[in-house]
Amino acid sequence: MMFFKKDENMNKNSVNTAFQSTFIFWGVTLLINALFEMANNKPLISSSFVILIVGLIIFYSTEQIANYIHKRKE
């Protein structure tokens, strides 16, 4: 059973770029947050929800920017 249809209009390079930028953001943010918590006994960003939402915003905005750049090259 397939839950999602394959999107023929999806640009895989743009999605991969968005995945990579989001992964790097979350990794760096969580590392800095952990180091800050070890040093000051208090996290820099106390809400995991904020980190999640900002990561999703970065994903979708990076995908849109990469699609725009790819279409301009054509």
C-alpha atoms as a PDB file:
ATOM      1  CA  MET A   1       0.000   0.000   0.000  1.00  0.00           C
ATOM      2  CA  MET A   2       1.377   3.383  -0.979  1.00  0.00           C
ATOM      3  CA  PHE A   3       0.528   6.327   1.250  1.00  0.00           C
ATOM      4  CA  PHE A   4       2.089   9.017  -0.908  1.00  0.00           C
ATOM      5  CA  LYS A   5       2.093   9.425  -4.668  1.00  0.00           C
ATOM      6  CA  LYS A   6       5.401   9.946  -6.403  1.00  0.00           C
ATOM      7  CA  ASP A   7       5.808  13.576  -7.343  1.00  0.00           C
ATOM      8  CA  GLU A   8       7.128  13.873 -10.878  1.00  0.00           C
ATOM      9  CA  ASN A   9       7.743  17.624 -10.446  1.00  0.00           C
ATOM     10  CA  MET A  10      10.049  17.135  -7.441  1.00  0.00           C
ATOM     11  CA  ASN A  11      13.672  18.086  -7.982  1.00  0.00           C
ATOM     12  CA  LYS A  12      15.747  15.486  -6.125  1.00  0.00           C
ATOM     13  CA  ASN A  13      18.860  17.681  -6.054  1.00  0.00           C
ATOM     14  CA  SER A  14      16.915  20.453  -4.322  1.00  0.00           C
ATOM     15  CA  VAL A  15      15.490  18.044  -1.761  1.00  0.00           C
ATOM     16  CA  ASN A  16      18.927  16.544  -1.065  1.00  0.00           C
ATOM     17  CA  THR A  17      20.363  20.026  -0.567  1.00  0.00           C
ATOM     18  CA  ALA A  18      17.521  20.827   1.836  1.00  0.00           C
ATOM     19  CA  PHE A  19      18.075  17.553   3.747  1.00  0.00           C
ATOM     20  CA  GLN A  20      21.772  18.293   4.123  1.00  0.00           C
ATOM     21  CA  SER A  21      21.296  21.885   5.274  1.00  0.00           C
ATOM     22  CA  THR A  22      18.634  20.858   7.794  1.00  0.00           C
ATOM     23  CA  PHE A  23      20.775  18.011   9.142  1.00  0.00           C
ATOM     24  CA  ILE A  24      23.758  20.344   9.534  1.00  0.00           C
ATOM     25  CA  PHE A  25      21.588  22.955  11.277  1.00  0.00           C
ATOM     26  CA  TRP A  26      20.113  20.444  13.718  1.00  0.00           C
ATOM     27  CA  GLY A  27      23.515  18.852  14.414  1.00  0.00           C
ATOM     28  CA  VAL A  28      25.282  22.153  15.054  1.00  0.00           C
ATOM     29  CA  THR A  29      22.381  23.533  17.097  1.00  0.00           C
ATOM     30  CA  LEU A  30      22.166  20.459  19.308  1.00  0.00           C
ATOM     31  CA  LEU A  31      25.959  20.403  19.774  1.00  0.00           C
ATOM     32  CA  ILE A  32      26.081  24.073  20.774  1.00  0.00           C
ATOM     33  CA  ASN A  33      23.056  23.569  23.019  1.00  0.00           C
ATOM     34  CA  ALA A  34      24.713  20.583  24.751  1.00  0.00           C
ATOM     35  CA  LEU A  35      28.023  22.415  25.220  1.00  0.00           C
ATOM     36  CA  PHE A  36      26.235  25.471  26.572  1.00  0.00           C
ATOM     37  CA  GLU A  37      24.261  23.277  28.990  1.00  0.00           C
ATOM     38  CA  MET A  38      27.450  21.575  30.204  1.00  0.00           C
ATOM     39  CA  ALA A  39      29.160  24.920  30.788  1.00  0.00           C
ATOM     40  CA  ASN A  40      26.273  26.863  32.341  1.00  0.00           C
ATOM     41  CA  ASN A  41      23.919  24.111  33.578  1.00  0.00           C
ATOM     42  CA  LYS A  42      21.221  25.712  31.437  1.00  0.00           C
ATOM     43  CA  PRO A  43      20.481  25.068  27.749  1.00  0.00           C
ATOM     44  CA  LEU A  44      20.773  27.923  25.279  1.00  0.00           C
ATOM     45  CA  ILE A  45      17.473  26.960  23.615  1.00  0.00           C
ATOM     46  CA  SER A  46      15.245  25.292  26.185  1.00  0.00           C
ATOM     47  CA  SER A  47      12.451  24.306  23.795  1.00  0.00           C
ATOM     48  CA  SER A  48      12.966  21.355  21.459  1.00  0.00           C
ATOM     49  CA  PHE A  49       9.849  22.467  19.618  1.00  0.00           C
ATOM     50  CA  VAL A  50      11.582  25.710  18.576  1.00  0.00           C
ATOM     51  CA  ILE A  51      14.554  23.743  17.207  1.00  0.00           C
ATOM     52  CA  LEU A  52      12.177  21.472  15.283  1.00  0.00           C
ATOM     53  CA  ILE A  53      10.160  24.321  13.766  1.00  0.00           C
ATOM     54  CA  VAL A  54      13.244  26.325  12.773  1.00  0.00           C
ATOM     55  CA  GLY A  55      14.699  23.194  11.146  1.00  0.00           C
ATOM     56  CA  LEU A  56      11.523  22.651   9.144  1.00  0.00           C
ATOM     57  CA  ILE A  57      11.502  26.298   8.069  1.00  0.00           C
ATOM     58  CA  ILE A  58      15.121  25.931   6.950  1.00  0.00           C
ATOM     59  CA  PHE A  59      14.235  22.758   5.022  1.00  0.00           C
ATOM     60  CA  TYR A  60      11.356  24.283   3.066  1.00  0.00           C
ATOM     61  CA  SER A  61      13.095  27.597   2.415  1.00  0.00           C
ATOM     62  CA  THR A  62      16.293  25.870   1.248  1.00  0.00           C
ATOM     63  CA  GLU A  63      14.272  23.645  -1.070  1.00  0.00           C
ATOM     64  CA  GLN A  64      12.510  26.668  -2.581  1.00  0.00           C
ATOM     65  CA  ILE A  65      15.786  28.555  -3.047  1.00  0.00           C
ATOM     66  CA  ALA A  66      17.464  25.507  -4.633  1.00  0.00           C
ATOM     67  CA  ASN A  67      14.492  25.042  -6.986  1.00  0.00           C
ATOM     68  CA  TYR A  68      14.674  28.710  -7.971  1.00  0.00           C
ATOM     69  CA  ILE A  69      18.407  28.477  -8.684  1.00  0.00           C
ATOM     70  CA  HIS A  70      17.965  25.260 -10.651  1.00  0.00           C
ATOM     71  CA  LYS A  71      15.184  26.749 -12.804  1.00  0.00           C
ATOM     72  CA  ARG A  72      17.266  29.872 -13.478  1.00  0.00           C
ATOM     73  CA  LYS A  73      20.094  27.706 -14.819  1.00  0.00           C
ATOM     74  CA  GLU A  74      17.807  26.091 -17.386  1.00  0.00           C
END
